[in-house]
Amino acid sequence: MAAREPCLLLAEVSGSERLLDKLGAAEMRHAVLRCLHRMERVAVGFRGELRKALGEASLMAEFESTESAHLAAGEMQQRVLDLPPVSGVKLALKISFPAVAANGDAATAPAYLHLRHGGVLVSLGPDKAEAALGRDLDNDIVIRNPRASRNHARIVQRRDSYVLIDQSSNGTFAGFAGGPEIVLQGGELILAGSGYISCGSSYGAESDEIVEFSCSPVEGE
């Protein structure tokens, strides 16, 4: 049996900046810590090893397989979404799966991201750093699913990564090859490897509206 590859998960609490403006630093930290405690319990429950995070509103953990990391990510998202808003601010998570280098640190992500929807192919790279998805005809990829928003989601390049950003009413569903589906509701997710994106509906409900993605170190697919 082939050995499983380890997988890093980075989860960051988003919305804390608005809380800081409304409540001040002490109350903001209290709300963020409540999220982090839930996230830590999920990580440990899926046998993740906690690593030093990059900031006080983030958590990094290493899992023994991609499947475990993706399952943990989905559970973390749900645990944080279950929390009530704080002074009208709903906290969410930004989830990413940095590649693991030989020394155990995060490695540099591929230079290109290819998106395919039906007969439409959109490639992001040095010449195009962003793509928009939604029902509006001005989007790079037009989604016909009635549950999709007019301007449903964006994919932007940040340094060496491609980030999926949900800005919809019904959520954005994403899946990685060999992993479970992750639901974004106001959150973000770094795309790695290959998989799919579904706007407004889970995979299978609107299968003809699936956007397939693949990361590559070269320009062609």
N, C-alpha and C. Protein backbone atom coordinates (compact mmCIF):
# COMPACT_ATOMS: atom_id res chain seq x y z
N MET A 1 0.85 -1.19 0.00
CA MET A 1 0.00 0.00 0.00
C MET A 1 0.89 1.24 0.00
N ALA A 2 0.58 2.21 -0.87
CA ALA A 2 1.39 3.42 -0.97
C ALA A 2 1.22 4.27 0.28
N ALA A 3 2.32 4.92 0.69
CA ALA A 3 2.28 5.78 1.87
C ALA A 3 1.45 7.02 1.59
N ARG A 4 0.69 7.46 2.59
CA ARG A 4 -0.11 8.66 2.44
C ARG A 4 0.77 9.89 2.55
N GLU A 5 0.47 10.91 1.73
CA GLU A 5 1.23 12.14 1.76
C GLU A 5 0.64 13.06 2.83
N PRO A 6 1.49 13.71 3.66
CA PRO A 6 0.97 14.65 4.66
C PRO A 6 0.36 15.88 3.99
N CYS A 7 -0.52 16.54 4.70
CA CYS A 7 -1.22 17.71 4.15
C CYS A 7 -1.30 18.80 5.22
N LEU A 8 -0.89 20.00 4.85
CA LEU A 8 -1.00 21.15 5.74
C LEU A 8 -2.35 21.83 5.55
N LEU A 9 -2.93 22.29 6.63
CA LEU A 9 -4.16 23.08 6.59
C LEU A 9 -3.91 24.39 7.32
N LEU A 10 -4.24 25.49 6.68
CA LEU A 10 -4.15 26.82 7.29
C LEU A 10 -5.54 27.42 7.32
N ALA A 11 -6.04 27.72 8.51
CA ALA A 11 -7.37 28.32 8.67
C ALA A 11 -7.23 29.66 9.37
N GLU A 12 -7.79 30.71 8.75
CA GLU A 12 -7.71 32.05 9.30
C GLU A 12 -9.12 32.59 9.53
N VAL A 13 -9.34 33.20 10.68
CA VAL A 13 -10.63 33.79 11.00
C VAL A 13 -10.75 35.14 10.30
N SER A 14 -11.79 35.31 9.48
CA SER A 14 -12.01 36.58 8.79
C SER A 14 -13.19 37.31 9.42
N GLY A 15 -13.16 38.62 9.39
CA GLY A 15 -14.19 39.44 9.99
C GLY A 15 -13.73 40.12 11.26
N SER A 16 -12.53 39.74 11.75
CA SER A 16 -12.04 40.31 13.01
C SER A 16 -11.75 41.80 12.89
N GLU A 17 -11.39 42.27 11.68
CA GLU A 17 -11.11 43.69 11.51
C GLU A 17 -12.35 44.54 11.79
N ARG A 18 -13.51 44.06 11.32
CA ARG A 18 -14.75 44.80 11.58
C ARG A 18 -15.11 44.77 13.05
N LEU A 19 -14.83 43.64 13.73
CA LEU A 19 -15.07 43.57 15.16
C LEU A 19 -14.17 44.52 15.93
N LEU A 20 -12.93 44.65 15.49
CA LEU A 20 -12.00 45.56 16.15
C LEU A 20 -12.53 46.98 16.09
N ASP A 21 -13.08 47.37 14.94
CA ASP A 21 -13.64 48.72 14.80
C ASP A 21 -14.86 48.93 15.69
N LYS A 22 -15.67 47.86 15.86
CA LYS A 22 -16.92 47.99 16.62
C LYS A 22 -16.73 47.84 18.12
N LEU A 23 -15.88 46.87 18.53
CA LEU A 23 -15.84 46.48 19.94
C LEU A 23 -14.52 46.78 20.65
N GLY A 24 -13.47 46.95 19.90
CA GLY A 24 -12.17 47.11 20.53
C GLY A 24 -11.38 45.81 20.55
N ALA A 25 -10.11 45.91 20.92
CA ALA A 25 -9.19 44.77 20.81
C ALA A 25 -9.56 43.62 21.74
N ALA A 26 -9.95 43.92 22.98
CA ALA A 26 -10.21 42.85 23.94
C ALA A 26 -11.38 41.97 23.52
N GLU A 27 -12.50 42.57 23.14
CA GLU A 27 -13.67 41.80 22.72
C GLU A 27 -13.42 41.08 21.40
N MET A 28 -12.67 41.71 20.53
CA MET A 28 -12.34 41.05 19.25
C MET A 28 -11.53 39.80 19.50
N ARG A 29 -10.52 39.87 20.37
CA ARG A 29 -9.70 38.70 20.67
C ARG A 29 -10.53 37.59 21.31
N HIS A 30 -11.48 37.97 22.18
CA HIS A 30 -12.33 36.97 22.81
C HIS A 30 -13.14 36.21 21.76
N ALA A 31 -13.71 36.92 20.79
CA ALA A 31 -14.51 36.27 19.74
C ALA A 31 -13.63 35.39 18.85
N VAL A 32 -12.44 35.86 18.54
CA VAL A 32 -11.53 35.08 17.70
C VAL A 32 -11.06 33.82 18.43
N LEU A 33 -10.75 33.94 19.71
CA LEU A 33 -10.31 32.79 20.49
C LEU A 33 -11.40 31.73 20.58
N ARG A 34 -12.65 32.16 20.66
CA ARG A 34 -13.75 31.19 20.68
C ARG A 34 -13.76 30.37 19.40
N CYS A 35 -13.50 31.03 18.26
CA CYS A 35 -13.40 30.30 16.99
C CYS A 35 -12.20 29.37 16.98
N LEU A 36 -11.05 29.88 17.43
CA LEU A 36 -9.82 29.08 17.40
C LEU A 36 -9.94 27.84 18.28
N HIS A 37 -10.60 27.96 19.43
CA HIS A 37 -10.75 26.79 20.30
C HIS A 37 -11.57 25.70 19.61
N ARG A 38 -12.61 26.11 18.90
CA ARG A 38 -13.40 25.12 18.15
C ARG A 38 -12.57 24.49 17.05
N MET A 39 -11.78 25.31 16.36
CA MET A 39 -10.94 24.80 15.28
C MET A 39 -9.89 23.83 15.80
N GLU A 40 -9.29 24.14 16.94
CA GLU A 40 -8.28 23.26 17.51
C GLU A 40 -8.87 21.91 17.87
N ARG A 41 -10.08 21.91 18.46
CA ARG A 41 -10.71 20.64 18.82
C ARG A 41 -10.97 19.78 17.59
N VAL A 42 -11.37 20.43 16.50
CA VAL A 42 -11.60 19.69 15.26
C VAL A 42 -10.29 19.10 14.75
N ALA A 43 -9.23 19.91 14.74
CA ALA A 43 -7.93 19.45 14.24
C ALA A 43 -7.46 18.23 15.03
N VAL A 44 -7.54 18.30 16.34
CA VAL A 44 -7.11 17.18 17.18
C VAL A 44 -8.00 15.97 16.94
N GLY A 45 -9.30 16.20 16.75
CA GLY A 45 -10.22 15.09 16.51
C GLY A 45 -9.92 14.34 15.24
N PHE A 46 -9.35 15.02 14.25
CA PHE A 46 -8.97 14.37 12.99
C PHE A 46 -7.47 14.03 12.97
N ARG A 47 -6.88 13.94 14.16
CA ARG A 47 -5.49 13.52 14.35
C ARG A 47 -4.51 14.46 13.66
N GLY A 48 -4.84 15.75 13.68
CA GLY A 48 -3.93 16.74 13.13
C GLY A 48 -2.92 17.18 14.18
N GLU A 49 -1.72 17.49 13.73
CA GLU A 49 -0.66 17.99 14.61
C GLU A 49 -0.59 19.50 14.45
N LEU A 50 -0.86 20.24 15.53
CA LEU A 50 -0.88 21.69 15.47
C LEU A 50 0.53 22.22 15.23
N ARG A 51 0.61 23.19 14.32
CA ARG A 51 1.89 23.83 13.99
C ARG A 51 1.81 25.30 14.37
N LYS A 52 2.92 25.97 14.40
CA LYS A 52 2.95 27.40 14.70
C LYS A 52 2.25 28.16 13.59
N ALA A 53 1.23 28.94 13.94
CA ALA A 53 0.47 29.70 12.96
C ALA A 53 1.16 31.01 12.64
N LEU A 54 0.67 31.68 11.58
CA LEU A 54 1.28 32.91 11.11
C LEU A 54 0.76 34.15 11.83
N GLY A 55 -0.35 34.04 12.55
CA GLY A 55 -0.92 35.19 13.22
C GLY A 55 -1.85 34.74 14.33
N GLU A 56 -2.31 35.71 15.14
CA GLU A 56 -3.14 35.37 16.29
C GLU A 56 -4.55 34.94 15.91
N ALA A 57 -4.96 35.16 14.66
CA ALA A 57 -6.30 34.77 14.22
C ALA A 57 -6.25 33.57 13.28
N SER A 58 -5.19 32.79 13.33
CA SER A 58 -5.04 31.67 12.40
C SER A 58 -4.58 30.41 13.11
N LEU A 59 -4.82 29.29 12.45
CA LEU A 59 -4.42 27.98 12.96
C LEU A 59 -3.81 27.19 11.81
N MET A 60 -2.69 26.53 12.09
CA MET A 60 -2.08 25.64 11.10
C MET A 60 -1.93 24.26 11.73
N ALA A 61 -2.27 23.24 10.96
CA ALA A 61 -2.14 21.87 11.43
C ALA A 61 -1.70 20.98 10.28
N GLU A 62 -0.94 19.95 10.61
CA GLU A 62 -0.51 18.98 9.61
C GLU A 62 -1.26 17.67 9.84
N PHE A 63 -1.83 17.14 8.76
CA PHE A 63 -2.59 15.89 8.82
C PHE A 63 -1.86 14.82 8.04
N GLU A 64 -2.17 13.58 8.36
CA GLU A 64 -1.45 12.47 7.73
C GLU A 64 -1.93 12.19 6.32
N SER A 65 -3.05 12.81 5.90
CA SER A 65 -3.54 12.60 4.54
C SER A 65 -4.36 13.80 4.10
N THR A 66 -4.48 13.96 2.78
CA THR A 66 -5.31 15.03 2.23
C THR A 66 -6.76 14.87 2.64
N GLU A 67 -7.25 13.64 2.65
CA GLU A 67 -8.63 13.40 3.02
C GLU A 67 -8.92 13.88 4.44
N SER A 68 -8.02 13.57 5.38
CA SER A 68 -8.21 14.01 6.76
C SER A 68 -8.23 15.53 6.86
N ALA A 69 -7.33 16.19 6.12
CA ALA A 69 -7.27 17.64 6.16
C ALA A 69 -8.54 18.27 5.61
N HIS A 70 -9.07 17.72 4.51
CA HIS A 70 -10.29 18.26 3.91
C HIS A 70 -11.51 18.01 4.78
N LEU A 71 -11.57 16.85 5.41
CA LEU A 71 -12.67 16.58 6.34
C LEU A 71 -12.62 17.54 7.52
N ALA A 72 -11.43 17.78 8.04
CA ALA A 72 -11.28 18.72 9.15
C ALA A 72 -11.67 20.13 8.73
N ALA A 73 -11.30 20.53 7.51
CA ALA A 73 -11.64 21.87 7.02
C ALA A 73 -13.14 22.06 6.96
N GLY A 74 -13.85 21.07 6.44
CA GLY A 74 -15.30 21.17 6.36
C GLY A 74 -15.94 21.28 7.73
N GLU A 75 -15.43 20.51 8.69
CA GLU A 75 -15.98 20.54 10.05
C GLU A 75 -15.67 21.88 10.72
N MET A 76 -14.46 22.41 10.50
CA MET A 76 -14.12 23.72 11.05
C MET A 76 -15.05 24.80 10.51
N GLN A 77 -15.27 24.77 9.20
CA GLN A 77 -16.18 25.75 8.59
C GLN A 77 -17.54 25.70 9.27
N GLN A 78 -18.07 24.49 9.45
CA GLN A 78 -19.40 24.36 10.03
C GLN A 78 -19.44 24.82 11.48
N ARG A 79 -18.40 24.47 12.26
CA ARG A 79 -18.37 24.85 13.67
C ARG A 79 -18.37 26.38 13.83
N VAL A 80 -17.61 27.07 12.97
CA VAL A 80 -17.56 28.53 13.05
C VAL A 80 -18.85 29.16 12.54
N LEU A 81 -19.43 28.59 11.47
CA LEU A 81 -20.69 29.11 10.94
C LEU A 81 -21.82 28.95 11.96
N ASP A 82 -21.74 27.94 12.82
CA ASP A 82 -22.77 27.71 13.83
C ASP A 82 -22.76 28.77 14.93
N LEU A 83 -21.66 29.50 15.07
CA LEU A 83 -21.59 30.54 16.09
C LEU A 83 -22.47 31.72 15.70
N PRO A 84 -23.17 32.35 16.66
CA PRO A 84 -24.00 33.51 16.33
C PRO A 84 -23.13 34.73 16.00
N PRO A 85 -23.67 35.68 15.25
CA PRO A 85 -22.92 36.91 14.96
C PRO A 85 -22.55 37.65 16.24
N VAL A 86 -21.44 38.37 16.20
CA VAL A 86 -20.99 39.19 17.32
C VAL A 86 -21.19 40.65 16.94
N SER A 87 -22.14 41.30 17.62
CA SER A 87 -22.46 42.70 17.30
C SER A 87 -22.76 42.87 15.81
N GLY A 88 -23.48 41.91 15.26
CA GLY A 88 -23.87 41.98 13.86
C GLY A 88 -22.83 41.52 12.87
N VAL A 89 -21.65 41.11 13.35
CA VAL A 89 -20.57 40.66 12.48
C VAL A 89 -20.50 39.14 12.51
N LYS A 90 -20.66 38.51 11.35
CA LYS A 90 -20.57 37.06 11.22
C LYS A 90 -19.14 36.67 10.85
N LEU A 91 -18.49 35.94 11.73
CA LEU A 91 -17.13 35.49 11.45
C LEU A 91 -17.15 34.28 10.53
N ALA A 92 -16.14 34.18 9.70
CA ALA A 92 -16.01 33.07 8.76
C ALA A 92 -14.56 32.64 8.72
N LEU A 93 -14.27 31.61 7.92
CA LEU A 93 -12.91 31.10 7.82
C LEU A 93 -12.36 31.24 6.41
N LYS A 94 -11.08 31.51 6.32
CA LYS A 94 -10.33 31.40 5.07
C LYS A 94 -9.49 30.14 5.19
N ILE A 95 -9.74 29.18 4.32
CA ILE A 95 -9.06 27.89 4.39
C ILE A 95 -8.09 27.74 3.23
N SER A 96 -6.90 27.26 3.51
CA SER A 96 -5.95 26.97 2.45
C SER A 96 -5.20 25.68 2.79
N PHE A 97 -4.63 25.07 1.75
CA PHE A 97 -3.87 23.83 1.91
C PHE A 97 -2.50 24.03 1.28
N PRO A 98 -1.58 24.70 1.97
CA PRO A 98 -0.24 24.92 1.40
C PRO A 98 0.44 23.60 1.08
N ALA A 99 1.15 23.57 -0.04
CA ALA A 99 1.90 22.36 -0.38
C ALA A 99 3.01 22.14 0.64
N VAL A 100 3.32 20.88 0.91
CA VAL A 100 4.35 20.54 1.88
C VAL A 100 5.65 20.27 1.16
N ALA A 101 6.68 21.04 1.48
CA ALA A 101 7.99 20.84 0.88
C ALA A 101 8.73 19.70 1.59
N ALA A 102 9.90 19.36 1.09
CA ALA A 102 10.65 18.24 1.63
C ALA A 102 11.03 18.45 3.10
N ASN A 103 11.22 19.73 3.51
CA ASN A 103 11.60 20.01 4.89
C ASN A 103 10.39 20.19 5.80
N GLY A 104 9.19 19.97 5.28
CA GLY A 104 7.99 20.08 6.08
C GLY A 104 7.34 21.44 6.06
N ASP A 105 8.00 22.45 5.46
CA ASP A 105 7.41 23.78 5.38
C ASP A 105 6.49 23.88 4.17
N ALA A 106 5.77 25.00 4.07
CA ALA A 106 4.92 25.23 2.92
C ALA A 106 5.77 25.50 1.69
N ALA A 107 5.41 24.88 0.57
CA ALA A 107 6.17 25.05 -0.67
C ALA A 107 5.49 26.05 -1.58
N THR A 108 6.21 26.50 -2.60
CA THR A 108 5.66 27.45 -3.56
C THR A 108 4.61 26.79 -4.43
N ALA A 109 3.50 27.48 -4.64
CA ALA A 109 2.39 26.94 -5.42
C ALA A 109 2.68 27.05 -6.92
N PRO A 110 1.97 26.28 -7.75
CA PRO A 110 2.17 26.35 -9.20
C PRO A 110 1.89 27.74 -9.76
N ALA A 111 2.43 28.04 -10.93
CA ALA A 111 2.33 29.37 -11.51
C ALA A 111 1.04 29.60 -12.27
N TYR A 112 0.34 28.55 -12.68
CA TYR A 112 -0.86 28.70 -13.53
C TYR A 112 -2.04 27.94 -12.92
N LEU A 113 -3.22 28.51 -13.17
CA LEU A 113 -4.47 27.85 -12.79
C LEU A 113 -5.38 27.84 -14.00
N HIS A 114 -5.86 26.65 -14.37
CA HIS A 114 -6.74 26.49 -15.53
C HIS A 114 -8.16 26.18 -15.05
N LEU A 115 -9.12 26.91 -15.60
CA LEU A 115 -10.54 26.73 -15.26
C LEU A 115 -11.29 26.33 -16.52
N ARG A 116 -12.08 25.26 -16.41
CA ARG A 116 -12.85 24.79 -17.57
C ARG A 116 -14.31 24.64 -17.18
N HIS A 117 -15.19 25.26 -17.98
CA HIS A 117 -16.64 25.19 -17.77
C HIS A 117 -17.30 24.99 -19.12
N GLY A 118 -17.76 23.77 -19.37
CA GLY A 118 -18.30 23.47 -20.70
C GLY A 118 -17.21 23.63 -21.74
N GLY A 119 -17.45 24.46 -22.74
CA GLY A 119 -16.44 24.70 -23.78
C GLY A 119 -15.57 25.90 -23.49
N VAL A 120 -15.70 26.51 -22.31
CA VAL A 120 -14.93 27.71 -21.97
C VAL A 120 -13.71 27.32 -21.15
N LEU A 121 -12.55 27.82 -21.55
CA LEU A 121 -11.31 27.61 -20.81
C LEU A 121 -10.72 28.97 -20.44
N VAL A 122 -10.49 29.18 -19.16
CA VAL A 122 -9.87 30.41 -18.67
C VAL A 122 -8.61 30.02 -17.92
N SER A 123 -7.49 30.62 -18.28
CA SER A 123 -6.21 30.32 -17.63
C SER A 123 -5.69 31.56 -16.91
N LEU A 124 -5.33 31.40 -15.65
CA LEU A 124 -4.74 32.47 -14.87
C LEU A 124 -3.24 32.24 -14.77
N GLY A 125 -2.51 33.33 -14.81
CA GLY A 125 -1.06 33.27 -14.76
C GLY A 125 -0.49 34.66 -14.77
N PRO A 126 0.74 34.82 -15.26
CA PRO A 126 1.37 36.15 -15.27
C PRO A 126 0.59 37.20 -16.05
N ASP A 127 -0.15 36.79 -17.09
CA ASP A 127 -0.88 37.76 -17.91
C ASP A 127 -2.32 37.99 -17.47
N LYS A 128 -2.85 37.17 -16.59
CA LYS A 128 -4.22 37.32 -16.09
C LYS A 128 -4.25 36.81 -14.67
N ALA A 129 -4.54 37.71 -13.71
CA ALA A 129 -4.41 37.36 -12.30
C ALA A 129 -5.74 37.17 -11.60
N GLU A 130 -6.87 37.31 -12.31
CA GLU A 130 -8.16 37.22 -11.64
C GLU A 130 -9.23 36.72 -12.60
N ALA A 131 -10.20 35.98 -12.08
CA ALA A 131 -11.34 35.52 -12.86
C ALA A 131 -12.60 35.64 -12.01
N ALA A 132 -13.72 36.01 -12.65
CA ALA A 132 -15.00 36.18 -11.96
C ALA A 132 -15.98 35.12 -12.43
N LEU A 133 -16.78 34.59 -11.49
CA LEU A 133 -17.78 33.56 -11.78
C LEU A 133 -19.15 34.05 -11.30
N GLY A 134 -20.18 33.79 -12.10
CA GLY A 134 -21.52 34.17 -11.69
C GLY A 134 -22.49 34.21 -12.86
N ARG A 135 -23.75 34.58 -12.56
CA ARG A 135 -24.79 34.60 -13.60
C ARG A 135 -24.68 35.80 -14.53
N ASP A 136 -24.06 36.87 -14.07
CA ASP A 136 -23.92 38.06 -14.92
C ASP A 136 -23.08 37.72 -16.16
N LEU A 137 -23.54 38.21 -17.30
CA LEU A 137 -22.87 37.88 -18.56
C LEU A 137 -21.48 38.50 -18.68
N ASP A 138 -21.15 39.45 -17.82
CA ASP A 138 -19.82 40.07 -17.87
C ASP A 138 -18.76 39.22 -17.17
N ASN A 139 -19.17 38.15 -16.50
CA ASN A 139 -18.20 37.31 -15.80
C ASN A 139 -17.34 36.53 -16.78
N ASP A 140 -16.12 36.17 -16.34
CA ASP A 140 -15.25 35.34 -17.17
C ASP A 140 -15.88 33.97 -17.41
N ILE A 141 -16.52 33.44 -16.38
CA ILE A 141 -17.25 32.17 -16.50
C ILE A 141 -18.69 32.41 -16.07
N VAL A 142 -19.62 32.25 -17.01
CA VAL A 142 -21.03 32.52 -16.76
C VAL A 142 -21.71 31.24 -16.27
N ILE A 143 -22.32 31.32 -15.09
CA ILE A 143 -22.98 30.18 -14.45
C ILE A 143 -24.49 30.32 -14.65
N ARG A 144 -25.11 29.28 -15.19
CA ARG A 144 -26.55 29.34 -15.48
C ARG A 144 -27.41 28.82 -14.32
N ASN A 145 -26.80 28.27 -13.31
CA ASN A 145 -27.56 27.77 -12.17
C ASN A 145 -28.34 28.93 -11.52
N PRO A 146 -29.67 28.84 -11.40
CA PRO A 146 -30.44 29.94 -10.81
C PRO A 146 -30.10 30.20 -9.35
N ARG A 147 -29.47 29.26 -8.68
CA ARG A 147 -29.06 29.48 -7.29
C ARG A 147 -27.75 30.26 -7.18
N ALA A 148 -27.09 30.46 -8.30
CA ALA A 148 -25.86 31.25 -8.29
C ALA A 148 -26.20 32.73 -8.27
N SER A 149 -25.34 33.52 -7.64
CA SER A 149 -25.52 34.97 -7.62
C SER A 149 -24.99 35.58 -8.92
N ARG A 150 -25.41 36.81 -9.18
CA ARG A 150 -24.95 37.48 -10.41
C ARG A 150 -23.43 37.62 -10.41
N ASN A 151 -22.86 38.01 -9.28
CA ASN A 151 -21.41 38.06 -9.11
C ASN A 151 -21.07 37.13 -7.95
N HIS A 152 -20.96 35.86 -8.25
CA HIS A 152 -20.98 34.82 -7.24
C HIS A 152 -19.64 34.65 -6.51
N ALA A 153 -18.56 34.57 -7.26
CA ALA A 153 -17.25 34.29 -6.65
C ALA A 153 -16.15 34.85 -7.53
N ARG A 154 -14.99 35.03 -6.91
CA ARG A 154 -13.80 35.45 -7.66
C ARG A 154 -12.65 34.51 -7.32
N ILE A 155 -11.74 34.40 -8.26
CA ILE A 155 -10.47 33.71 -8.02
C ILE A 155 -9.38 34.73 -8.29
N VAL A 156 -8.54 34.99 -7.31
CA VAL A 156 -7.50 36.00 -7.45
C VAL A 156 -6.14 35.39 -7.15
N GLN A 157 -5.13 35.94 -7.76
CA GLN A 157 -3.77 35.50 -7.51
C GLN A 157 -3.17 36.34 -6.39
N ARG A 158 -2.66 35.67 -5.37
CA ARG A 158 -1.98 36.34 -4.27
C ARG A 158 -0.61 35.70 -4.10
N ARG A 159 0.39 36.44 -4.44
CA ARG A 159 1.76 35.91 -4.43
C ARG A 159 1.82 34.66 -5.30
N ASP A 160 2.07 33.50 -4.70
CA ASP A 160 2.22 32.27 -5.47
C ASP A 160 0.99 31.36 -5.36
N SER A 161 -0.16 31.91 -4.92
CA SER A 161 -1.35 31.10 -4.72
C SER A 161 -2.54 31.68 -5.47
N TYR A 162 -3.54 30.82 -5.72
CA TYR A 162 -4.81 31.23 -6.31
C TYR A 162 -5.91 31.01 -5.29
N VAL A 163 -6.63 32.08 -4.96
CA VAL A 163 -7.58 32.06 -3.86
C VAL A 163 -9.00 32.19 -4.39
N LEU A 164 -9.86 31.24 -4.01
CA LEU A 164 -11.29 31.28 -4.34
C LEU A 164 -12.00 32.07 -3.24
N ILE A 165 -12.74 33.12 -3.63
CA ILE A 165 -13.42 34.00 -2.68
C ILE A 165 -14.91 33.95 -2.93
N ASP A 166 -15.67 33.50 -1.96
CA ASP A 166 -17.13 33.46 -2.07
C ASP A 166 -17.71 34.83 -1.74
N GLN A 167 -18.60 35.32 -2.58
CA GLN A 167 -19.28 36.59 -2.33
C GLN A 167 -20.77 36.46 -2.66
N SER A 168 -21.32 35.28 -2.38
CA SER A 168 -22.66 34.91 -2.83
C SER A 168 -23.66 34.83 -1.69
N SER A 169 -24.90 34.55 -2.05
CA SER A 169 -25.96 34.33 -1.06
C SER A 169 -26.08 32.85 -0.67
N ASN A 170 -25.86 31.95 -1.62
CA ASN A 170 -26.08 30.51 -1.38
C ASN A 170 -24.81 29.70 -1.19
N GLY A 171 -23.65 30.34 -1.21
CA GLY A 171 -22.41 29.64 -0.95
C GLY A 171 -21.75 29.07 -2.20
N THR A 172 -20.47 28.80 -2.06
CA THR A 172 -19.67 28.19 -3.12
C THR A 172 -19.15 26.86 -2.62
N PHE A 173 -19.31 25.82 -3.42
CA PHE A 173 -18.93 24.45 -3.05
C PHE A 173 -17.68 24.08 -3.84
N ALA A 174 -16.69 23.52 -3.15
CA ALA A 174 -15.44 23.15 -3.82
C ALA A 174 -14.99 21.79 -3.35
N GLY A 175 -14.40 21.04 -4.27
CA GLY A 175 -13.88 19.73 -3.94
C GLY A 175 -12.52 19.53 -4.58
N PHE A 176 -11.63 18.86 -3.88
CA PHE A 176 -10.31 18.52 -4.39
C PHE A 176 -10.29 17.05 -4.74
N ALA A 177 -9.44 16.68 -5.69
CA ALA A 177 -9.34 15.29 -6.10
C ALA A 177 -9.05 14.40 -4.90
N GLY A 178 -9.93 13.43 -4.68
CA GLY A 178 -9.74 12.51 -3.57
C GLY A 178 -10.20 13.02 -2.22
N GLY A 179 -10.82 14.21 -2.19
CA GLY A 179 -11.24 14.77 -0.91
C GLY A 179 -12.72 15.10 -0.89
N PRO A 180 -13.27 15.38 0.29
CA PRO A 180 -14.69 15.71 0.42
C PRO A 180 -14.97 17.15 0.01
N GLU A 181 -16.24 17.48 -0.11
CA GLU A 181 -16.64 18.81 -0.53
C GLU A 181 -16.53 19.80 0.63
N ILE A 182 -16.10 21.03 0.30
CA ILE A 182 -15.98 22.11 1.27
C ILE A 182 -16.95 23.21 0.86
N VAL A 183 -17.68 23.77 1.83
CA VAL A 183 -18.65 24.82 1.56
C VAL A 183 -18.10 26.14 2.06
N LEU A 184 -18.06 27.13 1.17
CA LEU A 184 -17.63 28.48 1.53
C LEU A 184 -18.86 29.37 1.61
N GLN A 185 -19.00 30.10 2.69
CA GLN A 185 -20.05 31.10 2.84
C GLN A 185 -19.40 32.36 3.38
N GLY A 186 -18.95 33.20 2.46
CA GLY A 186 -18.23 34.40 2.85
C GLY A 186 -16.77 34.16 3.16
N GLY A 187 -16.28 32.94 2.93
CA GLY A 187 -14.90 32.61 3.23
C GLY A 187 -14.03 32.53 1.99
N GLU A 188 -12.81 32.07 2.18
CA GLU A 188 -11.83 31.95 1.11
C GLU A 188 -11.16 30.59 1.18
N LEU A 189 -10.64 30.15 0.04
CA LEU A 189 -10.00 28.84 -0.05
C LEU A 189 -8.90 28.91 -1.10
N ILE A 190 -7.69 28.48 -0.73
CA ILE A 190 -6.61 28.39 -1.71
C ILE A 190 -6.77 27.12 -2.53
N LEU A 191 -6.73 27.28 -3.84
CA LEU A 191 -6.89 26.15 -4.75
C LEU A 191 -5.54 25.50 -5.01
N ALA A 192 -5.49 24.19 -4.89
CA ALA A 192 -4.26 23.44 -5.13
C ALA A 192 -4.60 22.12 -5.81
N GLY A 193 -3.68 21.63 -6.62
CA GLY A 193 -3.93 20.37 -7.31
C GLY A 193 -5.03 20.52 -8.33
N SER A 194 -6.04 19.66 -8.27
CA SER A 194 -7.16 19.73 -9.20
C SER A 194 -8.45 19.43 -8.44
N GLY A 195 -9.57 19.84 -9.04
CA GLY A 195 -10.86 19.61 -8.40
C GLY A 195 -11.96 20.35 -9.12
N TYR A 196 -12.99 20.74 -8.38
CA TYR A 196 -14.14 21.40 -8.99
C TYR A 196 -14.66 22.52 -8.10
N ILE A 197 -15.41 23.44 -8.74
CA ILE A 197 -16.10 24.53 -8.06
C ILE A 197 -17.54 24.51 -8.53
N SER A 198 -18.48 24.61 -7.60
CA SER A 198 -19.90 24.65 -7.94
C SER A 198 -20.52 25.86 -7.24
N CYS A 199 -21.20 26.70 -8.01
CA CYS A 199 -21.74 27.95 -7.49
C CYS A 199 -23.21 27.79 -7.10
N GLY A 200 -23.51 27.89 -5.81
CA GLY A 200 -24.88 27.88 -5.34
C GLY A 200 -25.46 26.53 -5.03
N SER A 201 -24.89 25.46 -5.53
CA SER A 201 -25.41 24.11 -5.32
C SER A 201 -24.27 23.13 -5.10
N SER A 202 -24.55 22.11 -4.32
CA SER A 202 -23.58 21.06 -4.12
C SER A 202 -23.34 20.29 -5.41
N TYR A 203 -22.20 19.63 -5.51
CA TYR A 203 -21.89 18.82 -6.68
C TYR A 203 -22.97 17.77 -6.91
N GLY A 204 -23.41 17.66 -8.15
CA GLY A 204 -24.43 16.68 -8.50
C GLY A 204 -25.79 17.31 -8.69
N ALA A 205 -26.10 18.36 -7.89
CA ALA A 205 -27.39 19.02 -8.02
C ALA A 205 -27.47 19.77 -9.35
N GLU A 206 -26.36 20.38 -9.76
CA GLU A 206 -26.29 21.09 -11.05
C GLU A 206 -24.99 20.68 -11.73
N SER A 207 -24.87 19.41 -12.06
CA SER A 207 -23.58 18.88 -12.51
C SER A 207 -23.08 19.51 -13.80
N ASP A 208 -24.00 19.99 -14.66
CA ASP A 208 -23.55 20.61 -15.90
C ASP A 208 -22.98 22.00 -15.66
N GLU A 209 -23.08 22.52 -14.43
CA GLU A 209 -22.54 23.84 -14.12
C GLU A 209 -21.25 23.77 -13.31
N ILE A 210 -20.65 22.62 -13.23
CA ILE A 210 -19.39 22.46 -12.50
C ILE A 210 -18.25 23.15 -13.25
N VAL A 211 -17.42 23.88 -12.50
CA VAL A 211 -16.19 24.46 -13.05
C VAL A 211 -15.03 23.60 -12.58
N GLU A 212 -14.33 22.99 -13.50
CA GLU A 212 -13.17 22.16 -13.15
C GLU A 212 -11.93 23.05 -13.10
N PHE A 213 -11.06 22.82 -12.10
CA PHE A 213 -9.83 23.60 -12.01
C PHE A 213 -8.63 22.66 -11.90
N SER A 214 -7.49 23.13 -12.36
CA SER A 214 -6.25 22.38 -12.22
C SER A 214 -5.09 23.36 -12.15
N CYS A 215 -4.19 23.11 -11.23
CA CYS A 215 -2.98 23.94 -11.09
C CYS A 215 -1.84 23.29 -11.86
N SER A 216 -0.98 24.11 -12.41
CA SER A 216 0.10 23.59 -13.24
C SER A 216 1.31 24.52 -13.16
N PRO A 217 2.52 23.95 -13.21
CA PRO A 217 3.71 24.81 -13.24
C PRO A 217 4.00 25.37 -14.63
N VAL A 218 3.26 24.89 -15.65
CA VAL A 218 3.48 25.35 -17.02
C VAL A 218 2.21 25.98 -17.57
N GLU A 219 2.35 26.72 -18.66
CA GLU A 219 1.23 27.48 -19.20
C GLU A 219 0.14 26.61 -19.77
N GLY A 220 0.48 25.57 -20.51
CA GLY A 220 -0.53 24.70 -21.09
C GLY A 220 -1.10 23.75 -20.08
N GLU A 221 -2.28 23.16 -20.39
CA GLU A 221 -2.91 22.19 -19.48
C GLU A 221 -2.11 20.89 -19.43
